[in-house]
C-alpha atoms as a PDB file:
ATOM      1  CA  MET A   1      78.956 109.894  79.316  1.00  0.00           C
ATOM      2  CA  PRO A   2      81.358 111.161  82.015  1.00  0.00           C
ATOM      3  CA  ARG A   3      85.078 111.443  81.107  1.00  0.00           C
ATOM      4  CA  ALA A   4      85.810 108.551  83.579  1.00  0.00           C
ATOM      5  CA  TYR A   5      83.856 106.296  81.265  1.00  0.00           C
ATOM      6  CA  TYR A   6      86.057 106.939  78.178  1.00  0.00           C
ATOM      7  CA  LEU A   7      89.160 106.706  80.387  1.00  0.00           C
ATOM      8  CA  LEU A   8      88.233 103.353  81.486  1.00  0.00           C
ATOM      9  CA  ARG A   9      87.147 101.970  78.010  1.00  0.00           C
ATOM     10  CA  ALA A  10      90.534 102.997  76.803  1.00  0.00           C
ATOM     11  CA  LEU A  11      92.194 101.188  79.662  1.00  0.00           C
ATOM     12  CA  ALA A  12      90.185  98.195  78.854  1.00  0.00           C
ATOM     13  CA  ALA A  13      91.121  98.349  75.194  1.00  0.00           C
ATOM     14  CA  ALA A  14      94.661  98.749  76.217  1.00  0.00           C
ATOM     15  CA  GLY A  15      94.636  95.285  77.554  1.00  0.00           C
ATOM     16  CA  ARG A  16      97.848  94.088  79.594  1.00  0.00           C
ATOM     17  CA  ASN A  17      99.407  97.709  78.923  1.00  0.00           C
ATOM     18  CA  ALA A  18      96.872  99.262  81.475  1.00  0.00           C
ATOM     19  CA  VAL A  19      98.393  97.121  84.306  1.00  0.00           C
ATOM     20  CA  PRO A  20     100.049 100.266  85.863  1.00  0.00           C
ATOM     21  CA  ALA A  21      96.538 101.989  86.185  1.00  0.00           C
ATOM     22  CA  THR A  22      95.111  98.777  88.239  1.00  0.00           C
ATOM     23  CA  PRO A  23      95.492 100.570  91.696  1.00  0.00           C
ATOM     24  CA  ALA A  24      93.658 103.647  90.656  1.00  0.00           C
ATOM     25  CA  VAL A  25      90.779 101.448  88.937  1.00  0.00           C
ATOM     26  CA  ARG A  26      90.556  99.454  92.073  1.00  0.00           C
ATOM     27  CA  LYS A  27      90.118 102.348  94.202  1.00  0.00           C
ATOM     28  CA  ALA A  28      87.376 103.541  91.971  1.00  0.00           C
ATOM     29  CA  LEU A  29      85.639 100.307  92.166  1.00  0.00           C
ATOM     30  CA  GLU A  30      86.046 100.348  95.946  1.00  0.00           C
ATOM     31  CA  ARG A  31      84.368 103.707  96.192  1.00  0.00           C
ATOM     32  CA  GLY A  32      81.603 102.286  94.368  1.00  0.00           C
ATOM     33  CA  GLU A  33      81.869 104.300  91.243  1.00  0.00           C
ATOM     34  CA  PRO A  34      78.606 104.129  89.011  1.00  0.00           C
ATOM     35  CA  LEU A  35      80.922 102.938  86.248  1.00  0.00           C
ATOM     36  CA  ALA A  36      81.782  99.728  88.451  1.00  0.00           C
ATOM     37  CA  SER A  37      81.120  97.426  85.505  1.00  0.00           C
ATOM     38  CA  VAL A  38      83.636  99.001  83.235  1.00  0.00           C
ATOM     39  CA  ALA A  39      86.115  99.112  86.126  1.00  0.00           C
ATOM     40  CA  LEU A  40      85.668  95.239  86.573  1.00  0.00           C
ATOM     41  CA  GLU A  41      86.095  94.842  82.794  1.00  0.00           C
ATOM     42  CA  VAL A  42      89.516  96.742  82.954  1.00  0.00           C
ATOM     43  CA  LEU A  43      90.594  94.716  85.986  1.00  0.00           C
ATOM     44  CA  ALA A  44      89.537  91.462  84.146  1.00  0.00           C
ATOM     45  CA  THR A  45      91.325  92.300  80.997  1.00  0.00           C
ATOM     46  CA  VAL A  46      94.605  92.847  82.876  1.00  0.00           C
ATOM     47  CA  ARG A  47      93.887  89.622  84.701  1.00  0.00           C
ATOM     48  CA  ASP A  48      93.870  91.227  88.130  1.00  0.00           C
ATOM     49  CA  ALA A  49      93.001  88.155  90.289  1.00  0.00           C
ATOM     50  CA  GLU A  50      92.113  90.343  93.295  1.00  0.00           C
ATOM     51  CA  ILE A  51      88.667  90.951  91.641  1.00  0.00           C
ATOM     52  CA  LEU A  52      87.548  87.278  91.441  1.00  0.00           C
ATOM     53  CA  PRO A  53      86.044  87.384  95.027  1.00  0.00           C
ATOM     54  CA  ARG A  54      83.925  90.223  93.919  1.00  0.00           C
ATOM     55  CA  LEU A  55      82.880  88.586  90.636  1.00  0.00           C
ATOM     56  CA  VAL A  56      82.009  85.404  92.483  1.00  0.00           C
ATOM     57  CA  ALA A  57      79.893  87.414  95.069  1.00  0.00           C
ATOM     58  CA  ASP A  58      78.030  88.894  92.201  1.00  0.00           C
ATOM     59  CA  LEU A  59      77.458  85.514  90.727  1.00  0.00           C
ATOM     60  CA  ARG A  60      75.950  84.237  93.878  1.00  0.00           C
ATOM     61  CA  GLU A  61      74.100  87.341  95.173  1.00  0.00           C
ATOM     62  CA  GLY A  62      74.085  90.060  92.706  1.00  0.00           C
ATOM     63  CA  HIS A  63      70.989  91.111  90.461  1.00  0.00           C
ATOM     64  CA  ALA A  64      70.720  89.857  87.027  1.00  0.00           C
ATOM     65  CA  LEU A  65      73.005  92.462  85.462  1.00  0.00           C
ATOM     66  CA  ASN A  66      75.755  92.224  87.824  1.00  0.00           C
ATOM     67  CA  ARG A  67      75.660  88.378  87.325  1.00  0.00           C
ATOM     68  CA  TYR A  68      75.843  88.905  83.626  1.00  0.00           C
ATOM     69  CA  TYR A  69      78.831  91.164  83.805  1.00  0.00           C
ATOM     70  CA  ALA A  70      80.598  88.923  86.386  1.00  0.00           C
ATOM     71  CA  LEU A  71      80.299  86.125  83.952  1.00  0.00           C
ATOM     72  CA  LYS A  72      81.839  87.945  81.062  1.00  0.00           C
ATOM     73  CA  ARG A  73      84.637  89.288  83.427  1.00  0.00           C
ATOM     74  CA  ILE A  74      85.317  85.763  84.815  1.00  0.00           C
ATOM     75  CA  GLY A  75      85.698  84.358  81.104  1.00  0.00           C
ATOM     76  CA  ASP A  76      88.141  87.177  80.738  1.00  0.00           C
ATOM     77  CA  LEU A  77      90.359  86.317  83.682  1.00  0.00           C
ATOM     78  CA  GLY A  78      91.361  82.728  82.282  1.00  0.00           C
ATOM     79  CA  VAL A  79      93.303  80.463  84.565  1.00  0.00           C
ATOM     80  CA  THR A  80      93.237  82.937  87.661  1.00  0.00           C
ATOM     81  CA  ALA A  81      89.385  82.165  87.743  1.00  0.00           C
ATOM     82  CA  GLN A  82      89.613  78.573  88.228  1.00  0.00           C
ATOM     83  CA  SER A  83      88.158  78.618  91.539  1.00  0.00           C
ATOM     84  CA  ALA A  84      84.934  80.070  90.135  1.00  0.00           C
ATOM     85  CA  VAL A  85      84.426  76.919  88.102  1.00  0.00           C
ATOM     86  CA  PRO A  86      82.136  75.113  90.661  1.00  0.00           C
ATOM     87  CA  ASP A  87      79.762  78.106  90.754  1.00  0.00           C
ATOM     88  CA  LEU A  88      79.849  78.409  86.836  1.00  0.00           C
ATOM     89  CA  ILE A  89      78.958  74.676  86.761  1.00  0.00           C
ATOM     90  CA  GLY A  90      76.068  75.310  89.229  1.00  0.00           C
ATOM     91  CA  LEU A  91      74.655  78.086  87.073  1.00  0.00           C
ATOM     92  CA  VAL A  92      75.015  75.988  83.803  1.00  0.00           C
ATOM     93  CA  ARG A  93      73.020  73.181  85.439  1.00  0.00           C
ATOM     94  CA  GLY A  94      70.364  75.694  86.209  1.00  0.00           C
ATOM     95  CA  GLY A  95      70.127  76.776  82.452  1.00  0.00           C
ATOM     96  CA  ASN A  96      72.395  79.820  82.446  1.00  0.00           C
ATOM     97  CA  ALA A  97      73.748  80.111  78.767  1.00  0.00           C
ATOM     98  CA  GLU A  98      76.128  82.908  79.717  1.00  0.00           C
ATOM     99  CA  ALA A  99      77.601  80.653  82.502  1.00  0.00           C
ATOM    100  CA  ALA A 100      78.127  78.022  79.850  1.00  0.00           C
ATOM    101  CA  GLU A 101      80.031  80.788  77.561  1.00  0.00           C
ATOM    102  CA  ALA A 102      82.257  81.926  80.613  1.00  0.00           C
ATOM    103  CA  LEU A 103      83.246  78.047  81.156  1.00  0.00           C
ATOM    104  CA  GLY A 104      83.984  77.915  77.457  1.00  0.00           C
ATOM    105  CA  ALA A 105      86.181  81.115  77.585  1.00  0.00           C
ATOM    106  CA  LEU A 106      88.036  79.944  80.637  1.00  0.00           C
ATOM    107  CA  ALA A 107      88.708  76.657  78.945  1.00  0.00           C
ATOM    108  CA  ALA A 108      90.081  78.419  75.894  1.00  0.00           C
ATOM    109  CA  ARG A 109      92.145  80.779  77.901  1.00  0.00           C
ATOM    110  CA  THR A 110      93.751  78.090  80.208  1.00  0.00           C
ATOM    111  CA  ARG A 111      94.944  76.005  77.107  1.00  0.00           C
END
């Protein structure tokens, strides 16, 4: 694994303490780094609402793996991801169990 992977994993584990690193993580994401899913995890962990449009786009148009990671990250965002609820409900109606989990995570984080 490249060193960037371990750095991103450490930032994700740091939670809200990783907020100062978000500009650099956003830049890595914009460049299309191969570790985009881990970068999205970091940004979701620090509840960076700027990633929500990308996550929703992945829900609507991404391939299966991107949709899976988007669902996990939306659940992590909590109240900042409320605008994704209609998309999640549509996926749940289509039988997507991960979307149901994301809705549950959103509900738990917004209480």
